[in-house]
Amino acid sequence: MSKNRGAKGASGAKGALGARGASEARGASGAKSASSARRVLAIAAHPDDIEFMMAGTLLLLRDTGWDIHYLNMSSGNLGSFTSSPTETARIRSAEAQASAILMQAVWHAPICHDLQVFYDDPALRRLVAVIRNVDPSIVLTHSPQDYMEDHMTTARLAVTATFARGVPGYRSTPPCDPVQTPVTIYHASPHGLRDGLRRRVVPEAFVNTTDVQERKRKALGCHRSQRDWLDKTQGMDSYITTMDQFARALGKMSRKFRYAEGWRRHLHYGFADEHADPLRDALGRRYLVNARYRRALDAGI
């Protein structure tokens, strides 16, 4: 059984979809021992999704001594008007790895391709292997409600794979020992801060990303190939400006921060203690609970 939580280093990872096992990773540093449990795994659909909605929180955790892990489910192979899918996957893999290095994150190879992020058995078994090897106490992933299926399916896969991390009879691909570390799942704000039916999605908590916003811009800027693609397909004439607009809108929503990222905690059953909130514990005053959201939860609204 595999139990490797360390990064392979700058030359140890296979290319997109080419890893011999889901545990193969590349990044700036190896992970800590299992006992510390100061590890966070971000699971997003495509290269640049982490940078849009999660990177600020990852950077803050890294600054406080956490090991941060970076996984895009898809290779991003369809994100070009000019390059072939194979070449695009190669380009986007290099961009994602450059961003991970900038953030001092461990990069994990993608599992599938664009528009092939399916909630199926092969994807789930491979994702479980990543989670068992990282053994995180925080998982960051997409909102269950978002504007495209790849994002929402990634959120479903992340939840189920995290639940399966400790199930002894569930065999991952490649085989890895089950882990029992308590883990809290946080769902990021959706792109545009609205669901697919245009309804505003309000966060449960805000993370103040003001001090790391410039580093977040640089991380997103590593994805240079997406400048033209996002403009033509999704109306983002400047993808870095769009990311800043999302962060400013969340900051305004918090009524306290200039730039922010928004999070909602997944229900605790099968994951951690009911009151576990490790982002709060790690980030302190940079983490602001939305009291109105909490009251609405209790009221059943």
Protein backbone atom coordinates (compact mmCIF):
# COMPACT_ATOMS: atom_id res chain seq x y z
CA MET A 1 0.00 0.00 0.00
CA SER A 2 1.22 3.48 -0.86
CA LYS A 3 1.68 6.01 1.93
CA ASN A 4 3.82 8.69 0.30
CA ARG A 5 2.93 12.24 1.36
CA GLY A 6 6.10 13.96 0.17
CA ALA A 7 6.50 15.88 -3.05
CA LYS A 8 8.53 14.24 -5.80
CA GLY A 9 10.47 17.41 -6.49
CA ALA A 10 10.86 19.43 -9.66
CA SER A 11 11.59 16.45 -11.90
CA GLY A 12 9.65 13.65 -10.25
CA ALA A 13 6.12 14.10 -11.58
CA LYS A 14 4.69 12.72 -14.78
CA GLY A 15 2.86 15.03 -17.20
CA ALA A 16 -0.87 15.64 -17.31
CA LEU A 17 -2.70 12.30 -16.96
CA GLY A 18 0.67 10.58 -17.12
CA ALA A 19 1.31 9.90 -13.46
CA ARG A 20 1.87 6.27 -12.57
CA GLY A 21 -0.27 6.83 -9.51
CA ALA A 22 -2.41 9.55 -8.09
CA SER A 23 0.11 9.96 -5.30
CA GLU A 24 2.80 11.36 -7.59
CA ALA A 25 3.17 15.07 -6.94
CA ARG A 26 5.37 18.00 -7.72
CA GLY A 27 5.87 21.12 -5.68
CA ALA A 28 8.04 23.35 -3.63
CA SER A 29 8.26 21.25 -0.50
CA GLY A 30 7.40 17.90 1.00
CA ALA A 31 4.49 17.42 3.35
CA LYS A 32 4.83 17.08 7.11
CA SER A 33 4.26 13.93 9.11
CA ALA A 34 0.76 12.56 9.57
CA SER A 35 0.62 13.57 13.23
CA SER A 36 0.73 17.33 12.58
CA ALA A 37 -2.31 17.31 10.23
CA ARG A 38 -1.53 20.87 9.07
CA ARG A 39 -2.21 19.97 5.46
CA VAL A 40 -4.75 21.48 3.08
CA LEU A 41 -5.77 20.08 -0.31
CA ALA A 42 -7.44 22.31 -2.90
CA ILE A 43 -9.45 20.33 -5.46
CA ALA A 44 -10.65 22.33 -8.47
CA ALA A 45 -11.89 21.49 -11.92
CA HIS A 46 -9.48 23.31 -14.26
CA PRO A 47 -6.10 25.01 -14.23
CA ASP A 48 -6.72 28.59 -12.95
CA ASP A 49 -9.86 27.74 -10.91
CA ILE A 50 -7.82 27.53 -7.70
CA GLU A 51 -6.27 30.91 -8.42
CA PHE A 52 -9.63 32.55 -9.07
CA MET A 53 -11.46 31.55 -5.88
CA MET A 54 -9.13 29.73 -3.45
CA ALA A 55 -5.52 30.87 -3.78
CA GLY A 56 -5.71 33.69 -1.24
CA THR A 57 -6.74 31.29 1.52
CA LEU A 58 -4.06 28.81 0.47
CA LEU A 59 -1.39 31.51 0.58
CA LEU A 60 -2.46 32.61 4.06
CA LEU A 61 -2.34 29.03 5.29
CA ARG A 62 1.09 28.57 3.76
CA ASP A 63 2.27 31.71 5.55
CA THR A 64 1.16 30.21 8.87
CA GLY A 65 3.12 27.00 8.28
CA TRP A 66 0.61 24.72 6.58
CA ASP A 67 1.54 22.37 3.74
CA ILE A 68 -0.65 23.25 0.77
CA HIS A 69 -1.57 20.83 -2.02
CA TYR A 70 -2.91 21.77 -5.45
CA LEU A 71 -5.01 19.48 -7.68
CA ASN A 72 -6.94 20.27 -10.84
CA MET A 73 -9.21 17.40 -11.90
CA SER A 74 -8.88 18.30 -15.59
CA SER A 75 -5.83 18.89 -17.76
CA GLY A 76 -7.46 21.97 -19.30
CA ASN A 77 -6.87 20.48 -22.75
CA LEU A 78 -9.74 22.29 -24.50
CA GLY A 79 -8.81 25.81 -23.39
CA SER A 80 -7.39 27.09 -26.68
CA PHE A 81 -8.49 28.26 -30.10
CA THR A 82 -5.09 27.72 -31.70
CA SER A 83 -3.37 24.71 -30.10
CA SER A 84 -4.32 21.04 -30.27
CA PRO A 85 -5.82 19.46 -27.14
CA THR A 86 -2.56 17.58 -26.53
CA GLU A 87 -0.45 20.70 -26.81
CA THR A 88 -2.92 22.73 -24.76
CA ALA A 89 -2.79 20.15 -21.96
CA ARG A 90 1.01 20.38 -21.98
CA ILE A 91 0.95 24.19 -21.86
CA ARG A 92 -1.64 24.36 -19.12
CA SER A 93 0.13 21.74 -17.03
CA ALA A 94 3.29 23.83 -17.15
CA GLU A 95 1.32 26.95 -16.19
CA ALA A 96 -0.36 25.20 -13.26
CA GLN A 97 2.98 23.89 -12.02
CA ALA A 98 4.50 27.37 -12.27
CA SER A 99 1.63 28.73 -10.18
CA ALA A 100 2.01 25.95 -7.62
CA ILE A 101 5.72 26.68 -7.30
CA LEU A 102 4.99 30.39 -6.84
CA MET A 103 2.53 29.53 -4.05
CA GLN A 104 4.92 26.95 -2.56
CA ALA A 105 2.28 24.27 -3.09
CA VAL A 106 2.63 20.58 -3.93
CA TRP A 107 1.20 20.03 -7.42
CA HIS A 108 -0.73 16.84 -8.23
CA ALA A 109 -1.27 15.65 -11.79
CA PRO A 110 -4.80 15.95 -13.25
CA ILE A 111 -7.08 12.95 -13.52
CA CYS A 112 -9.15 13.65 -16.64
CA HIS A 113 -9.79 16.18 -19.44
CA ASP A 114 -12.09 19.16 -19.99
CA LEU A 115 -15.80 18.28 -20.25
CA GLN A 116 -14.90 14.77 -19.05
CA VAL A 117 -15.09 15.50 -15.33
CA PHE A 118 -17.61 12.78 -14.62
CA TYR A 119 -18.92 11.45 -11.33
CA ASP A 120 -17.82 7.90 -12.03
CA ASP A 121 -15.93 5.07 -10.41
CA PRO A 122 -12.51 5.53 -12.09
CA ALA A 123 -12.32 9.25 -11.22
CA LEU A 124 -13.48 8.61 -7.66
CA ARG A 125 -10.91 5.87 -7.01
CA ARG A 126 -8.07 8.02 -8.31
CA LEU A 127 -9.15 11.01 -6.26
CA VAL A 128 -9.41 8.87 -3.12
CA ALA A 129 -5.77 7.87 -3.64
CA VAL A 130 -4.71 11.52 -3.70
CA ILE A 131 -6.66 12.30 -0.55
CA ARG A 132 -5.30 9.28 1.31
CA ASN A 133 -1.74 10.20 0.40
CA VAL A 134 -2.08 13.87 1.31
CA ASP A 135 -4.18 13.05 4.41
CA PRO A 136 -5.44 16.65 4.80
CA SER A 137 -7.34 18.20 7.65
CA ILE A 138 -8.83 20.80 5.27
CA VAL A 139 -10.22 20.21 1.78
CA LEU A 140 -11.10 23.26 -0.34
CA THR A 141 -13.27 22.73 -3.39
CA HIS A 142 -15.90 24.31 -5.62
CA SER A 143 -19.37 25.46 -4.66
CA PRO A 144 -22.02 22.74 -5.15
CA GLN A 145 -23.87 25.40 -7.17
CA ASP A 146 -21.90 27.00 -9.98
CA TYR A 147 -22.21 28.04 -13.59
CA MET A 148 -20.79 24.89 -15.19
CA GLU A 149 -20.98 21.15 -14.63
CA ASP A 150 -17.23 20.52 -14.37
CA HIS A 151 -17.14 22.68 -11.24
CA MET A 152 -20.19 21.11 -9.62
CA THR A 153 -19.11 17.56 -10.45
CA THR A 154 -15.69 18.28 -8.98
CA ALA A 155 -17.38 19.36 -5.75
CA ARG A 156 -19.36 16.11 -5.64
CA LEU A 157 -16.26 14.02 -6.31
CA ALA A 158 -14.30 15.89 -3.64
CA VAL A 159 -16.99 15.26 -1.02
CA THR A 160 -17.40 11.56 -1.78
CA ALA A 161 -13.67 10.90 -2.11
CA THR A 162 -13.02 12.63 1.21
CA PHE A 163 -15.76 10.56 2.84
CA ALA A 164 -14.21 7.37 1.40
CA ARG A 165 -10.73 8.20 2.67
CA GLY A 166 -11.17 6.05 5.78
CA VAL A 167 -13.34 3.23 4.42
CA PRO A 168 -11.14 0.11 4.67
CA GLY A 169 -13.01 -1.87 2.01
CA TYR A 170 -12.82 0.86 -0.63
CA ARG A 171 -9.87 0.28 -2.95
CA SER A 172 -8.29 3.40 -4.43
CA THR A 173 -6.31 3.61 -7.67
CA PRO A 174 -3.46 3.05 -6.96
CA PRO A 175 -4.09 1.17 -3.70
CA CYS A 176 -3.43 3.34 -0.61
CA ASP A 177 -4.00 2.75 3.08
CA PRO A 178 -7.16 4.35 4.52
CA VAL A 179 -6.67 7.38 6.78
CA GLN A 180 -8.78 8.60 9.68
CA THR A 181 -7.60 12.19 10.15
CA PRO A 182 -10.62 14.45 10.83
CA VAL A 183 -11.12 16.73 7.83
CA THR A 184 -13.34 19.74 7.20
CA ILE A 185 -14.56 20.47 3.67
CA TYR A 186 -15.07 24.09 2.62
CA HIS A 187 -16.89 25.08 -0.55
CA ALA A 188 -15.64 28.22 -2.30
CA SER A 189 -17.87 30.94 -3.67
CA PRO A 190 -18.99 30.20 -7.23
CA HIS A 191 -17.68 32.17 -10.19
CA GLY A 192 -19.71 35.36 -10.41
CA LEU A 193 -20.87 34.73 -6.82
CA ARG A 194 -24.12 33.30 -8.20
CA ASP A 195 -25.51 29.86 -8.96
CA GLY A 196 -26.51 28.61 -12.40
CA LEU A 197 -29.93 30.25 -12.03
CA ARG A 198 -28.33 33.64 -11.26
CA ARG A 199 -29.20 33.59 -7.56
CA ARG A 200 -26.61 35.16 -5.26
CA VAL A 201 -24.66 32.64 -3.17
CA VAL A 202 -23.78 34.15 0.22
CA PRO A 203 -20.74 32.78 2.10
CA GLU A 204 -20.81 31.42 5.63
CA ALA A 205 -17.42 32.99 6.28
CA PHE A 206 -15.03 35.47 4.67
CA VAL A 207 -11.25 35.22 4.56
CA ASN A 208 -9.37 38.52 4.33
CA THR A 209 -7.05 38.12 1.32
CA THR A 210 -6.02 41.78 1.10
CA ASP A 211 -2.42 41.19 2.19
CA VAL A 212 -1.91 38.36 -0.35
CA GLN A 213 -3.97 39.75 -3.23
CA GLU A 214 -0.89 40.75 -5.24
CA ARG A 215 0.55 37.25 -4.86
CA LYS A 216 -2.81 35.85 -5.91
CA ARG A 217 -2.68 38.01 -9.05
CA LYS A 218 0.80 36.69 -9.85
CA ALA A 219 -0.37 33.10 -9.39
CA LEU A 220 -3.30 33.64 -11.77
CA GLY A 221 -0.96 35.44 -14.15
CA CYS A 222 0.98 32.19 -14.59
CA HIS A 223 -1.97 31.00 -16.70
CA ARG A 224 -1.05 33.23 -19.63
CA SER A 225 -2.68 30.99 -22.25
CA GLN A 226 -6.12 31.76 -20.80
CA ARG A 227 -6.14 35.50 -21.44
CA ASP A 228 -7.60 35.23 -24.97
CA TRP A 229 -9.67 32.11 -24.23
CA LEU A 230 -11.58 33.59 -21.29
CA ASP A 231 -12.19 36.83 -23.15
CA LYS A 232 -13.75 35.11 -26.18
CA THR A 233 -15.68 32.33 -24.44
CA GLN A 234 -16.78 33.85 -21.13
CA GLY A 235 -16.55 37.61 -21.53
CA MET A 236 -13.63 38.05 -19.14
CA ASP A 237 -11.75 40.73 -21.05
CA SER A 238 -9.06 40.72 -18.38
CA TYR A 239 -9.08 37.59 -16.28
CA ILE A 240 -6.96 39.11 -13.54
CA THR A 241 -9.28 42.12 -13.34
CA THR A 242 -12.25 39.74 -13.18
CA MET A 243 -10.66 37.85 -10.29
CA ASP A 244 -10.05 41.14 -8.48
CA GLN A 245 -13.70 42.10 -9.02
CA PHE A 246 -14.87 38.85 -7.42
CA ALA A 247 -12.54 39.44 -4.44
CA ARG A 248 -13.63 43.07 -4.04
CA ALA A 249 -17.30 42.05 -4.17
CA LEU A 250 -16.72 39.49 -1.43
CA GLY A 251 -14.79 42.06 0.58
CA LYS A 252 -17.70 44.48 0.27
CA MET A 253 -20.10 41.73 1.27
CA SER A 254 -18.05 41.15 4.43
CA ARG A 255 -18.41 44.84 5.38
CA LYS A 256 -14.90 44.67 6.76
CA PHE A 257 -12.27 43.57 4.23
CA ARG A 258 -11.03 45.15 1.02
CA TYR A 259 -10.49 41.79 -0.71
CA ALA A 260 -11.88 38.46 0.44
CA GLU A 261 -12.67 34.89 -0.46
CA GLY A 262 -15.91 33.26 0.65
CA TRP A 263 -16.44 29.79 2.12
CA ARG A 264 -19.23 27.49 3.25
CA ARG A 265 -18.58 24.46 5.44
CA HIS A 266 -19.88 21.06 4.40
CA LEU A 267 -21.98 19.13 6.94
CA HIS A 268 -19.65 17.35 9.36
CA TYR A 269 -21.03 13.78 9.31
CA GLY A 270 -18.30 11.34 8.30
CA PHE A 271 -15.62 14.01 8.28
CA ALA A 272 -14.96 15.80 11.58
CA ASP A 273 -16.46 17.10 14.79
CA GLU A 274 -19.64 19.14 14.41
CA HIS A 275 -17.96 22.34 15.53
CA ALA A 276 -14.64 21.85 13.75
CA ASP A 277 -13.66 25.00 11.85
CA PRO A 278 -9.92 24.74 11.17
CA LEU A 279 -9.83 27.79 8.88
CA ARG A 280 -11.07 29.86 11.81
CA ASP A 281 -8.48 28.32 14.10
CA ALA A 282 -5.62 28.82 11.62
CA LEU A 283 -6.44 32.31 10.35
CA GLY A 284 -7.79 34.06 13.44
CA ARG A 285 -8.83 37.64 12.75
CA ARG A 286 -8.46 37.13 9.01
CA TYR A 287 -11.51 34.85 9.22
CA LEU A 288 -14.92 36.46 9.68
CA VAL A 289 -18.06 34.45 10.30
CA ASN A 290 -21.20 35.69 8.56
CA ALA A 291 -23.58 35.81 11.52
CA ARG A 292 -26.61 36.32 9.29
CA TYR A 293 -25.79 33.13 7.37
CA ARG A 294 -25.42 31.18 10.63
CA ARG A 295 -28.76 32.46 11.93
CA ALA A 296 -30.44 31.47 8.68
CA LEU A 297 -29.02 27.95 9.02
CA ASP A 298 -30.50 27.58 12.48
CA ALA A 299 -33.81 29.06 11.37
CA GLY A 300 -34.07 26.63 8.45
CA ILE A 301 -34.28 29.44 5.89
